[in-house]
Amino acid sequence: MTESPFAVDMQNIVIRFPGVLANDHVNFTLGQGEIHALLGENGAGKSTLMNALAGLYKPASGTMKVYGEPVNFSSPKDAIAKGIGMVHQHFMLVPNQTVTENILLGLNEPRFRMSLKKYDQKVLELQEQFGLRVDPTALIWQLSVGEQQRVEILKTLYRGAKILIMDEPTAVLAPQEIDELMETMKAMVATGKSIIFISHKLQEVTAVADRVTVLRKGVVTAEGIAASGMTKRDLANLMVGRDVVFTIQKTPHNPGDVVLDVKDVRGENNKGVPALRGVSLAVRSGEILGIAGVSGNGQSELAEVITGMRECTGSILINGEEMANKPPIAAIKAGVAHVPEDRTHVGSAPSMSITDNTIMKSYRQPPVGKGWSIDSKYARANAQELKEAYGILAPSVDTMARKLSGGNLQKVILAREISGGPKLMVAVQPTRGLDVGAIEAIQRLILAQREEGTAVLLVSEELEELLSLSDRIAVIYEGEIMGTVLTDQANVDELGLMMTGTRLDHLKKFEEVSHHEEA
């Protein structure tokens, strides 16, 4: 039998859910030693297709071959036995166990007695092969997000995976960690492994993929095309079926009075460790202040102390009123809109309808609230208006939030927050994990708030997004502001140095010395 040129060959795959045709006769092939990117908007059917390959779903029809051999998986265990491993976007690790213990979890060997030192060494050897450095003896909760992802990849490789499905692997990584992951992927395919790379970040796809397949509403719009020569604009057009604007034009910066004034704020994270160390900043009306930083440097805690979700010391003035340590309802009454990092569990109630989610901040007072009851007719009519105005794609306003794609759920949250006419908007990672079409829509909504005179604090790990939307950028490192720069004078290299702990005033002194020596 001649060896198949494909590690994976999926033909005419059909997968249905009640009322939804998720994959409509989809063809997908993965070459041996290849990185094949799988693109598409939220809800296009990418993860569904890959879940079938990983043994989680059974197709209604179609065929699958792995290294030329027909397969019909009944469970993920069958897929793993064929050398297929999936690195999920949301990590599946036990926080209070070590790296090695997590890698060995669920394996038949060792069974009764375990010499952890022996297996620590095996993990180190695997790390050296692929450049995935992480301390085998460290507990998972002690690791950064990037290090935890390395553990997930090591888990898959330790189980002998030759085909890796990487589902949005860069969604939670900082720029430096993304570069490291790209190098790891190249190292893996150099040893003959094959990678399916699901991503929304088109610059990464053009940088690392050999071929690209694009899905739109469950149908293939481009099958296995060469990635070389494709631009971000080309790929975006295939994904959404129209031209996408990557750099949104904004009007000149003309800020008003100070709306948010943060002075010497200090606070702890969930582990009781200092996360904010004397943060001071101000945001004016009609201005977007971007907060740049590597994940875990106090961004989340800063947003939470401003919105009343975390205690702190220091002063937080909103339109001159002290708000530090007041409950979230006080922030709501002061006109604060909050788009939280966790849109599913904090920003929305997944098992409640779109209507219920849109009135979460307004149900206490008229016209939604009527004494002890809610005017359901008004609430539904208002939700319908918001659904149409914000382009929320859902069967009806009675659809539960958990059934929405990430982009549509984010639109529901923004519709609720913006419709209240906020004076200050705190938006944390508002476009994380969204496709290019949804990102453009969300960014336009945020810029529209700036035009309305709202003060916007925008927390993002996407430097490109901060440079596109912000008027000024403040860089946070280990809970301290390293410096603030005007966006039109921002230097990406300087921002990167500040994100890793160099203060702006030190950079300026270094530049002055360098210019003096050159002169």
Protein backbone atom coordinates (compact mmCIF):
# COMPACT_ATOMS: atom_id res chain seq x y z
CA MET A 1 0.00 0.00 0.00
CA THR A 2 1.40 3.42 -1.01
CA GLU A 3 1.79 5.86 1.86
CA SER A 4 -0.72 8.72 1.65
CA PRO A 5 0.70 12.20 0.98
CA PHE A 6 -1.81 13.48 3.54
CA ALA A 7 -1.64 13.13 7.30
CA VAL A 8 -5.38 13.97 7.32
CA ASP A 9 -7.88 13.67 4.47
CA MET A 10 -11.48 14.74 5.25
CA GLN A 11 -13.97 14.60 2.38
CA ASN A 12 -17.61 15.79 2.17
CA ILE A 13 -17.98 16.12 5.95
CA VAL A 14 -21.52 16.97 7.05
CA ILE A 15 -22.25 17.78 10.71
CA ARG A 16 -25.70 18.86 11.87
CA PHE A 17 -27.08 20.15 15.14
CA PRO A 18 -30.80 20.84 15.78
CA GLY A 19 -31.70 23.61 13.33
CA VAL A 20 -28.09 24.18 12.26
CA LEU A 21 -25.97 22.77 9.41
CA ALA A 22 -22.55 23.37 10.99
CA ASN A 23 -20.43 21.73 8.24
CA ASP A 24 -21.84 21.44 4.73
CA HIS A 25 -19.85 18.89 2.65
CA VAL A 26 -16.50 20.22 3.84
CA ASN A 27 -13.19 19.00 2.34
CA PHE A 28 -9.95 19.45 4.28
CA THR A 29 -6.49 17.93 3.84
CA LEU A 30 -3.36 18.23 5.97
CA GLY A 31 0.01 17.42 4.41
CA GLN A 32 2.74 15.65 6.36
CA GLY A 33 5.14 18.13 7.94
CA GLU A 34 2.79 21.03 7.14
CA ILE A 35 1.17 23.90 9.03
CA HIS A 36 -2.35 24.29 7.60
CA ALA A 37 -4.35 27.28 8.85
CA LEU A 38 -8.12 26.95 9.23
CA LEU A 39 -9.85 30.33 9.10
CA GLY A 40 -13.40 31.61 9.41
CA GLU A 41 -15.65 33.95 11.37
CA ASN A 42 -17.03 32.98 14.78
CA GLY A 43 -19.60 30.24 14.17
CA ALA A 44 -18.21 29.35 10.71
CA GLY A 45 -17.77 25.69 11.71
CA LYS A 46 -13.99 25.49 12.30
CA SER A 47 -14.03 24.04 15.80
CA THR A 48 -16.92 21.71 14.88
CA LEU A 49 -14.87 20.23 12.02
CA MET A 50 -11.81 19.80 14.23
CA ASN A 51 -13.87 18.29 17.06
CA ALA A 52 -14.90 15.59 14.58
CA LEU A 53 -11.24 14.90 13.80
CA ALA A 54 -10.48 14.81 17.54
CA GLY A 55 -13.24 12.24 18.16
CA LEU A 56 -15.66 14.54 19.99
CA TYR A 57 -18.34 14.64 17.24
CA LYS A 58 -19.50 12.03 14.73
CA PRO A 59 -20.19 13.39 11.21
CA ALA A 60 -23.61 12.62 9.69
CA SER A 61 -21.81 11.74 6.45
CA GLY A 62 -18.42 11.99 4.76
CA THR A 63 -15.10 10.16 5.12
CA MET A 64 -11.96 10.69 7.17
CA LYS A 65 -8.52 9.17 6.60
CA VAL A 66 -5.43 9.44 8.78
CA TYR A 67 -2.19 8.62 6.95
CA GLY A 68 -4.29 6.99 4.22
CA GLU A 69 -6.23 4.71 6.58
CA PRO A 70 -10.02 5.20 6.92
CA VAL A 71 -11.04 6.09 10.47
CA ASN A 72 -14.35 6.32 12.33
CA PHE A 73 -13.71 7.70 15.80
CA SER A 74 -16.10 7.00 18.67
CA SER A 75 -14.19 9.01 21.29
CA PRO A 76 -11.13 11.26 21.77
CA LYS A 77 -9.27 8.16 22.98
CA ASP A 78 -9.59 6.67 19.46
CA ALA A 79 -8.15 9.88 17.95
CA ILE A 80 -5.24 9.94 20.42
CA ALA A 81 -4.46 6.32 19.53
CA LYS A 82 -4.07 7.47 15.90
CA GLY A 83 -1.64 10.20 16.94
CA ILE A 84 -4.09 13.15 16.94
CA GLY A 85 -3.85 15.63 19.80
CA MET A 86 -5.86 18.82 20.37
CA VAL A 87 -4.48 21.83 22.22
CA HIS A 88 -7.63 23.63 23.40
CA GLN A 89 -8.03 27.39 23.70
CA HIS A 90 -9.17 26.99 27.33
CA PHE A 91 -6.54 25.03 29.23
CA MET A 92 -7.44 21.77 30.95
CA LEU A 93 -4.87 21.70 33.75
CA VAL A 94 -5.02 20.98 37.50
CA PRO A 95 -3.77 24.19 39.20
CA ASN A 96 -2.36 22.64 42.40
CA GLN A 97 -0.35 19.91 40.66
CA THR A 98 3.09 20.18 39.09
CA VAL A 99 3.85 20.41 35.37
CA THR A 100 5.00 16.78 35.27
CA GLU A 101 1.98 15.53 37.24
CA ASN A 102 -0.35 17.27 34.77
CA ILE A 103 1.48 15.74 31.80
CA LEU A 104 1.20 12.23 33.29
CA LEU A 105 -2.44 12.62 34.36
CA GLY A 106 -4.69 9.95 32.81
CA LEU A 107 -1.89 7.79 31.41
CA ASN A 108 -1.57 4.07 32.10
CA GLU A 109 2.09 4.47 33.01
CA PRO A 110 3.23 4.97 35.74
CA ARG A 111 0.51 2.99 37.52
CA PHE A 112 1.40 2.23 41.13
CA ARG A 113 4.72 3.79 42.06
CA MET A 114 6.02 7.00 40.56
CA SER A 115 9.50 8.46 40.68
CA LEU A 116 8.74 12.07 39.79
CA LYS A 117 12.42 12.91 39.29
CA LYS A 118 12.64 10.30 36.52
CA TYR A 119 9.62 11.76 34.74
CA ASP A 120 10.77 15.35 35.36
CA GLN A 121 13.87 14.41 33.36
CA LYS A 122 11.74 12.94 30.53
CA VAL A 123 9.74 16.17 30.38
CA LEU A 124 12.98 18.20 30.26
CA GLU A 125 14.23 16.10 27.34
CA LEU A 126 10.97 16.68 25.45
CA GLN A 127 11.24 20.42 26.17
CA GLU A 128 14.76 20.60 24.76
CA GLN A 129 13.62 18.96 21.52
CA PHE A 130 10.98 21.61 20.80
CA GLY A 131 12.12 24.65 22.78
CA LEU A 132 9.16 24.51 25.20
CA ARG A 133 10.91 25.62 28.37
CA VAL A 134 8.99 25.41 31.67
CA ASP A 135 10.03 24.14 35.13
CA PRO A 136 8.68 20.53 35.45
CA THR A 137 8.46 20.90 39.25
CA ALA A 138 6.47 24.17 39.20
CA LEU A 139 2.80 24.16 40.20
CA ILE A 140 0.42 25.17 37.41
CA TRP A 141 -1.03 28.15 39.32
CA GLN A 142 2.49 29.61 39.59
CA LEU A 143 2.91 29.75 35.79
CA SER A 144 2.11 32.52 33.33
CA VAL A 145 -0.56 31.94 30.69
CA GLY A 146 2.14 31.35 28.07
CA GLU A 147 3.87 28.74 30.25
CA GLN A 148 0.56 26.96 30.90
CA GLN A 149 0.03 26.70 27.17
CA ARG A 150 3.47 25.10 26.80
CA VAL A 151 2.36 22.49 29.34
CA GLU A 152 -0.74 21.75 27.22
CA ILE A 153 1.46 21.27 24.14
CA LEU A 154 3.91 19.09 26.10
CA LYS A 155 0.99 16.96 27.31
CA THR A 156 -0.04 16.33 23.71
CA LEU A 157 3.52 15.59 22.53
CA TYR A 158 4.19 13.27 25.50
CA ARG A 159 1.23 11.17 24.38
CA GLY A 160 2.93 10.68 21.01
CA ALA A 161 0.84 13.07 18.90
CA LYS A 162 2.02 13.39 15.31
CA ILE A 163 -0.92 15.58 14.28
CA LEU A 164 -1.64 18.63 16.48
CA ILE A 165 -4.85 20.66 16.32
CA MET A 166 -4.14 24.08 17.85
CA ASP A 167 -7.40 25.95 18.52
CA GLU A 168 -6.78 29.71 18.85
CA PRO A 169 -3.41 29.10 20.54
CA THR A 170 -2.39 32.78 20.58
CA ALA A 171 -5.67 34.29 21.84
CA VAL A 172 -4.33 34.77 25.39
CA LEU A 173 -0.62 35.29 24.67
CA ALA A 174 1.53 38.42 24.77
CA PRO A 175 3.45 39.43 21.60
CA GLN A 176 6.73 37.92 22.84
CA GLU A 177 5.01 34.64 23.75
CA ILE A 178 3.37 34.51 20.30
CA ASP A 179 6.80 34.76 18.64
CA GLU A 180 8.05 31.89 20.82
CA LEU A 181 5.02 29.76 19.90
CA MET A 182 5.59 30.37 16.19
CA GLU A 183 9.17 29.12 16.57
CA THR A 184 7.92 26.06 18.48
CA MET A 185 5.45 25.25 15.70
CA LYS A 186 8.22 25.47 13.09
CA ALA A 187 10.41 23.21 15.24
CA MET A 188 7.60 20.63 15.48
CA VAL A 189 6.95 20.42 11.73
CA ALA A 190 10.72 20.19 11.15
CA THR A 191 10.58 16.82 12.99
CA GLY A 192 7.76 15.59 10.69
CA LYS A 193 4.76 16.54 12.81
CA SER A 194 1.74 18.18 11.15
CA ILE A 195 -0.22 21.11 12.58
CA ILE A 196 -3.74 22.43 12.04
CA PHE A 197 -3.70 26.05 13.17
CA ILE A 198 -7.05 27.73 13.95
CA SER A 199 -6.60 31.48 14.34
CA HIS A 200 -8.28 34.86 13.87
CA LYS A 201 -4.97 36.71 13.72
CA LEU A 202 -4.25 37.01 10.03
CA GLN A 203 -0.70 38.34 10.42
CA GLU A 204 0.21 35.09 12.22
CA VAL A 205 -1.36 32.98 9.48
CA THR A 206 0.62 34.72 6.74
CA ALA A 207 3.79 34.38 8.86
CA VAL A 208 3.63 30.66 9.71
CA ALA A 209 1.12 28.72 7.55
CA ASP A 210 1.98 26.70 4.44
CA ARG A 211 -1.63 26.43 3.24
CA VAL A 212 -4.98 27.95 4.22
CA THR A 213 -8.56 26.68 4.17
CA VAL A 214 -11.38 29.17 4.80
CA LEU A 215 -14.90 28.37 6.06
CA ARG A 216 -17.87 30.71 5.86
CA LYS A 217 -21.19 29.64 7.42
CA GLY A 218 -20.14 25.98 7.31
CA VAL A 219 -19.09 26.02 3.64
CA VAL A 220 -15.52 26.05 2.27
CA THR A 221 -14.79 29.30 0.40
CA ALA A 222 -11.09 28.50 -0.20
CA GLU A 223 -9.66 25.00 0.01
CA GLY A 224 -5.98 24.41 0.73
CA ILE A 225 -4.64 27.51 -1.03
CA ALA A 226 -0.96 28.45 -0.66
CA ALA A 227 -0.45 31.01 2.12
CA SER A 228 2.56 32.61 0.42
CA GLY A 229 1.50 35.69 -1.50
CA MET A 230 -1.81 36.03 0.40
CA THR A 231 -2.30 39.35 2.21
CA LYS A 232 -4.35 39.99 5.35
CA ARG A 233 -6.88 41.79 3.15
CA ASP A 234 -7.19 38.77 0.81
CA LEU A 235 -7.79 36.38 3.71
CA ALA A 236 -10.27 38.71 5.44
CA ASN A 237 -12.27 39.02 2.21
CA LEU A 238 -12.49 35.21 1.93
CA MET A 239 -13.64 35.00 5.56
CA VAL A 240 -16.37 37.63 5.58
CA GLY A 241 -17.16 38.10 1.88
CA ARG A 242 -16.40 41.82 1.82
CA ASP A 243 -13.52 44.28 2.23
CA VAL A 244 -12.48 44.77 5.85
CA VAL A 245 -11.00 48.03 7.15
CA PHE A 246 -7.92 47.30 9.28
CA THR A 247 -7.00 50.87 10.22
CA ILE A 248 -10.07 52.84 11.23
CA GLN A 249 -9.83 56.61 10.70
CA LYS A 250 -10.59 58.77 13.72
CA THR A 251 -11.15 62.49 14.09
CA PRO A 252 -8.41 64.70 15.62
CA HIS A 253 -7.87 64.38 19.38
CA ASN A 254 -9.86 67.11 21.17
CA PRO A 255 -10.41 65.99 24.79
CA GLY A 256 -12.57 67.76 27.34
CA ASP A 257 -12.53 67.72 31.14
CA VAL A 258 -11.01 64.91 33.22
CA VAL A 259 -13.64 62.20 33.82
CA LEU A 260 -11.48 59.50 35.46
CA ASP A 261 -8.69 60.50 37.85
CA VAL A 262 -6.77 57.61 39.46
CA LYS A 263 -4.21 58.58 42.12
CA ASP A 264 -1.70 56.25 43.83
CA VAL A 265 -4.00 53.21 43.66
CA ARG A 266 -2.75 49.98 45.20
CA GLY A 267 -4.50 46.62 45.24
CA GLU A 268 -3.97 42.87 45.46
CA ASN A 269 -4.81 40.04 43.08
CA ASN A 270 -6.86 36.95 43.97
CA LYS A 271 -3.83 35.32 45.63
CA GLY A 272 -3.31 38.27 47.98
CA VAL A 273 -0.19 39.38 46.09
CA PRO A 274 0.26 43.10 45.24
CA ALA A 275 -1.05 43.66 41.69
CA LEU A 276 -1.29 47.48 41.60
CA ARG A 277 1.64 49.46 43.03
CA GLY A 278 0.78 53.15 43.09
CA VAL A 279 -1.02 53.54 39.75
CA SER A 280 -1.89 57.10 38.72
CA LEU A 281 -3.57 58.08 35.44
CA ALA A 282 -6.30 60.32 34.05
CA VAL A 283 -8.77 60.01 31.15
CA ARG A 284 -10.63 62.98 29.67
CA SER A 285 -13.99 63.09 27.92
CA GLY A 286 -13.73 62.35 24.20
CA GLU A 287 -10.43 60.53 24.71
CA ILE A 288 -9.29 56.90 24.54
CA LEU A 289 -6.44 56.00 26.90
CA GLY A 290 -4.99 52.62 25.97
CA ILE A 291 -3.39 50.39 28.60
CA ALA A 292 -0.63 48.21 27.13
CA GLY A 293 1.09 45.36 28.94
CA VAL A 294 1.87 41.68 28.96
CA SER A 295 -0.99 39.63 30.45
CA GLY A 296 -0.99 39.45 34.25
CA ASN A 297 0.66 42.79 35.03
CA GLY A 298 -2.31 44.36 36.82
CA GLN A 299 -4.57 45.29 33.90
CA SER A 300 -7.54 43.21 35.12
CA GLU A 301 -7.18 44.45 38.69
CA LEU A 302 -7.05 48.08 37.49
CA ALA A 303 -10.34 47.67 35.63
CA GLU A 304 -11.91 45.97 38.65
CA VAL A 305 -10.96 48.66 41.21
CA ILE A 306 -12.37 51.37 38.90
CA THR A 307 -15.68 49.49 38.43
CA GLY A 308 -16.10 48.63 42.12
CA MET A 309 -15.33 44.92 41.80
CA ARG A 310 -12.11 44.95 43.88
CA GLU A 311 -10.93 46.78 47.00
CA CYS A 312 -7.96 49.12 46.89
CA THR A 313 -6.19 52.00 48.60
CA GLY A 314 -5.72 55.40 46.97
CA SER A 315 -8.20 57.64 45.17
CA ILE A 316 -10.50 56.99 42.18
CA LEU A 317 -12.43 60.09 41.14
CA ILE A 318 -15.17 59.87 38.49
CA ASN A 319 -16.34 63.37 37.54
CA GLY A 320 -14.91 64.56 40.84
CA GLU A 321 -16.75 61.99 43.01
CA GLU A 322 -14.70 59.55 45.09
CA MET A 323 -15.53 55.98 44.00
CA ALA A 324 -12.77 53.89 45.56
CA ASN A 325 -14.18 50.82 47.37
CA LYS A 326 -17.79 51.68 46.55
CA PRO A 327 -19.95 48.80 45.21
CA PRO A 328 -20.47 48.26 41.45
CA ILE A 329 -23.97 49.80 41.66
CA ALA A 330 -22.33 53.12 42.62
CA ALA A 331 -20.15 52.97 39.49
CA ILE A 332 -23.24 52.21 37.38
CA LYS A 333 -25.07 55.24 38.86
CA ALA A 334 -21.99 57.39 38.16
CA GLY A 335 -22.28 56.50 34.47
CA VAL A 336 -19.57 53.84 34.18
CA ALA A 337 -19.92 51.27 31.40
CA HIS A 338 -17.90 48.07 31.83
CA VAL A 339 -16.96 45.61 29.08
CA PRO A 340 -15.20 42.91 31.14
CA GLU A 341 -12.45 40.55 30.03
CA ASP A 342 -14.64 37.48 30.68
CA ARG A 343 -17.66 38.13 28.46
CA THR A 344 -19.28 34.78 29.24
CA HIS A 345 -19.23 34.61 33.04
CA VAL A 346 -18.86 38.26 34.11
CA GLY A 347 -20.24 40.27 31.21
CA SER A 348 -23.39 38.23 30.65
CA ALA A 349 -25.76 35.64 32.11
CA PRO A 350 -25.34 32.71 29.67
CA SER A 351 -28.65 30.99 30.46
CA MET A 352 -30.71 34.16 30.17
CA SER A 353 -32.15 35.67 26.97
CA ILE A 354 -30.77 38.57 24.95
CA THR A 355 -33.64 40.67 26.35
CA ASP A 356 -32.73 39.85 29.95
CA ASN A 357 -29.05 40.56 29.30
CA THR A 358 -29.80 43.99 27.81
CA ILE A 359 -31.75 45.17 30.90
CA MET A 360 -29.31 44.02 33.59
CA LYS A 361 -28.32 47.61 34.43
CA SER A 362 -31.68 49.30 33.82
CA TYR A 363 -34.30 46.97 35.33
CA ARG A 364 -34.46 48.92 38.61
CA GLN A 365 -35.92 52.11 37.13
CA PRO A 366 -38.48 53.22 34.52
CA PRO A 367 -39.21 52.64 31.72
CA VAL A 368 -38.01 49.02 32.23
CA GLY A 369 -38.79 48.78 35.94
CA LYS A 370 -42.36 49.32 37.15
CA GLY A 371 -42.26 49.18 40.92
CA TRP A 372 -41.65 45.53 41.83
CA SER A 373 -42.15 44.28 38.26
CA ILE A 374 -40.59 44.64 34.83
CA ASP A 375 -42.36 45.94 31.74
CA SER A 376 -41.67 42.86 29.61
CA LYS A 377 -43.25 44.36 26.50
CA TYR A 378 -41.00 47.41 26.66
CA ALA A 379 -37.93 45.28 27.48
CA ARG A 380 -38.48 43.04 24.43
CA ALA A 381 -39.13 46.01 22.12
CA ASN A 382 -36.00 47.76 23.41
CA ALA A 383 -33.93 44.55 22.95
CA GLN A 384 -35.25 44.23 19.38
CA GLU A 385 -34.17 47.81 18.63
CA LEU A 386 -30.69 47.11 20.02
CA LYS A 387 -30.47 43.81 18.11
CA GLU A 388 -31.11 45.66 14.85
CA ALA A 389 -28.98 48.71 15.66
CA TYR A 390 -25.93 46.66 16.69
CA GLY A 391 -26.27 43.93 14.07
CA ILE A 392 -26.67 41.12 16.61
CA LEU A 393 -27.14 37.89 14.64
CA ALA A 394 -29.61 35.65 16.52
CA PRO A 395 -32.97 34.03 15.73
CA SER A 396 -34.77 36.33 18.21
CA VAL A 397 -34.32 38.41 21.35
CA ASP A 398 -35.47 35.32 23.30
CA THR A 399 -32.30 33.44 22.26
CA MET A 400 -30.13 32.52 25.26
CA ALA A 401 -26.79 34.32 25.48
CA ARG A 402 -24.82 31.04 25.60
CA LYS A 403 -26.03 30.19 22.09
CA LEU A 404 -24.42 33.31 20.59
CA SER A 405 -20.98 33.44 18.93
CA GLY A 406 -18.29 35.44 20.75
CA GLY A 407 -18.72 38.44 18.46
CA ASN A 408 -22.49 38.57 18.84
CA LEU A 409 -22.28 38.15 22.61
CA GLN A 410 -19.83 41.05 22.74
CA LYS A 411 -22.28 43.15 20.72
CA VAL A 412 -25.03 42.37 23.28
CA ILE A 413 -22.74 43.54 26.10
CA LEU A 414 -21.77 46.73 24.22
CA ALA A 415 -25.41 47.41 23.32
CA ARG A 416 -26.35 47.22 27.01
CA GLU A 417 -23.42 49.34 28.19
CA ILE A 418 -23.62 52.02 25.46
CA SER A 419 -27.42 52.41 25.51
CA GLY A 420 -27.12 53.78 29.05
CA GLY A 421 -25.23 56.85 27.74
CA PRO A 422 -22.01 56.32 29.77
CA LYS A 423 -19.63 59.05 30.87
CA LEU A 424 -16.78 56.54 31.25
CA MET A 425 -16.29 53.21 29.47
CA VAL A 426 -13.83 50.63 30.80
CA ALA A 427 -13.25 48.06 28.03
CA VAL A 428 -10.99 45.07 28.75
CA GLN A 429 -9.81 42.90 25.81
CA PRO A 430 -12.99 43.84 23.89
CA THR A 431 -11.96 42.04 20.67
CA ARG A 432 -10.06 39.03 22.07
CA GLY A 433 -10.85 35.83 20.18
CA LEU A 434 -13.11 37.56 17.64
CA ASP A 435 -12.89 37.32 13.85
CA VAL A 436 -11.86 40.24 11.65
CA GLY A 437 -15.44 41.26 10.80
CA ALA A 438 -16.53 41.33 14.46
CA ILE A 439 -13.32 43.16 15.47
CA GLU A 440 -14.02 45.94 12.97
CA ALA A 441 -17.61 46.31 14.25
CA ILE A 442 -16.56 46.41 17.93
CA GLN A 443 -13.76 48.91 17.27
CA ARG A 444 -16.17 51.21 15.41
CA LEU A 445 -18.55 51.11 18.40
CA ILE A 446 -15.73 52.08 20.78
CA LEU A 447 -14.62 54.96 18.53
CA ALA A 448 -18.23 56.13 18.29
CA GLN A 449 -18.24 56.49 22.10
CA ARG A 450 -15.17 58.72 21.89
CA GLU A 451 -17.03 60.88 19.34
CA GLU A 452 -19.99 61.10 21.76
CA GLY A 453 -17.67 62.56 24.40
CA THR A 454 -17.28 59.42 26.53
CA ALA A 455 -13.95 58.88 28.29
CA VAL A 456 -12.66 55.42 27.32
CA LEU A 457 -10.10 53.31 29.18
CA LEU A 458 -9.13 50.57 26.71
CA VAL A 459 -7.16 47.59 28.03
CA SER A 460 -5.76 45.41 25.25
CA GLU A 461 -2.82 43.08 24.65
CA GLU A 462 -3.02 43.85 20.92
CA LEU A 463 -0.55 46.68 20.26
CA GLU A 464 -1.96 47.11 16.76
CA GLU A 465 -5.41 47.73 18.25
CA LEU A 466 -4.10 50.22 20.82
CA LEU A 467 -2.16 52.14 18.18
CA SER A 468 -5.24 52.24 15.93
CA LEU A 469 -7.81 53.37 18.53
CA SER A 470 -6.02 55.17 21.37
CA ASP A 471 -5.14 58.85 21.68
CA ARG A 472 -2.58 58.07 24.39
CA ILE A 473 -1.04 54.78 25.55
CA ALA A 474 0.05 54.02 29.13
CA VAL A 475 2.22 50.94 29.67
CA ILE A 476 1.79 48.86 32.84
CA TYR A 477 4.41 46.45 34.18
CA GLU A 478 4.12 44.54 37.48
CA GLY A 479 1.40 46.92 38.64
CA GLU A 480 3.28 50.14 37.86
CA ILE A 481 2.87 52.62 35.01
CA MET A 482 6.16 52.69 33.09
CA GLY A 483 5.16 55.75 31.08
CA THR A 484 2.46 57.35 28.94
CA VAL A 485 2.96 58.46 25.32
CA LEU A 486 0.87 60.16 22.66
CA THR A 487 -0.11 57.53 20.09
CA ASP A 488 1.05 59.57 17.10
CA GLN A 489 4.51 59.74 18.73
CA ALA A 490 4.53 56.10 19.92
CA ASN A 491 7.40 53.81 18.95
CA VAL A 492 6.65 50.06 18.93
CA ASP A 493 10.17 49.21 20.12
CA GLU A 494 9.88 51.67 23.02
CA LEU A 495 6.46 50.28 23.95
CA GLY A 496 7.92 46.74 23.92
CA LEU A 497 10.78 47.79 26.22
CA MET A 498 8.33 49.44 28.62
CA MET A 499 6.15 46.29 28.57
CA THR A 500 9.17 44.36 29.86
CA GLY A 501 10.02 46.78 32.67
CA THR A 502 11.98 49.77 31.31
CA ARG A 503 10.63 53.15 32.39
CA LEU A 504 9.97 55.82 29.75
CA ASP A 505 12.21 58.38 31.50
CA HIS A 506 15.10 55.87 31.44
CA LEU A 507 14.53 55.33 27.70
CA LYS A 508 14.57 59.09 27.09
CA LYS A 509 17.83 59.48 29.08
CA PHE A 510 19.37 56.62 27.07
CA GLU A 511 18.26 58.28 23.80
CA GLU A 512 19.75 61.62 24.92
CA VAL A 513 23.09 59.95 25.77
CA SER A 514 23.08 58.09 22.41
CA HIS A 515 22.37 61.31 20.46
CA HIS A 516 25.09 63.15 22.40
CA GLU A 517 27.67 60.41 21.66
CA GLU A 518 26.70 60.40 17.96
CA ALA A 519 27.12 64.16 17.84
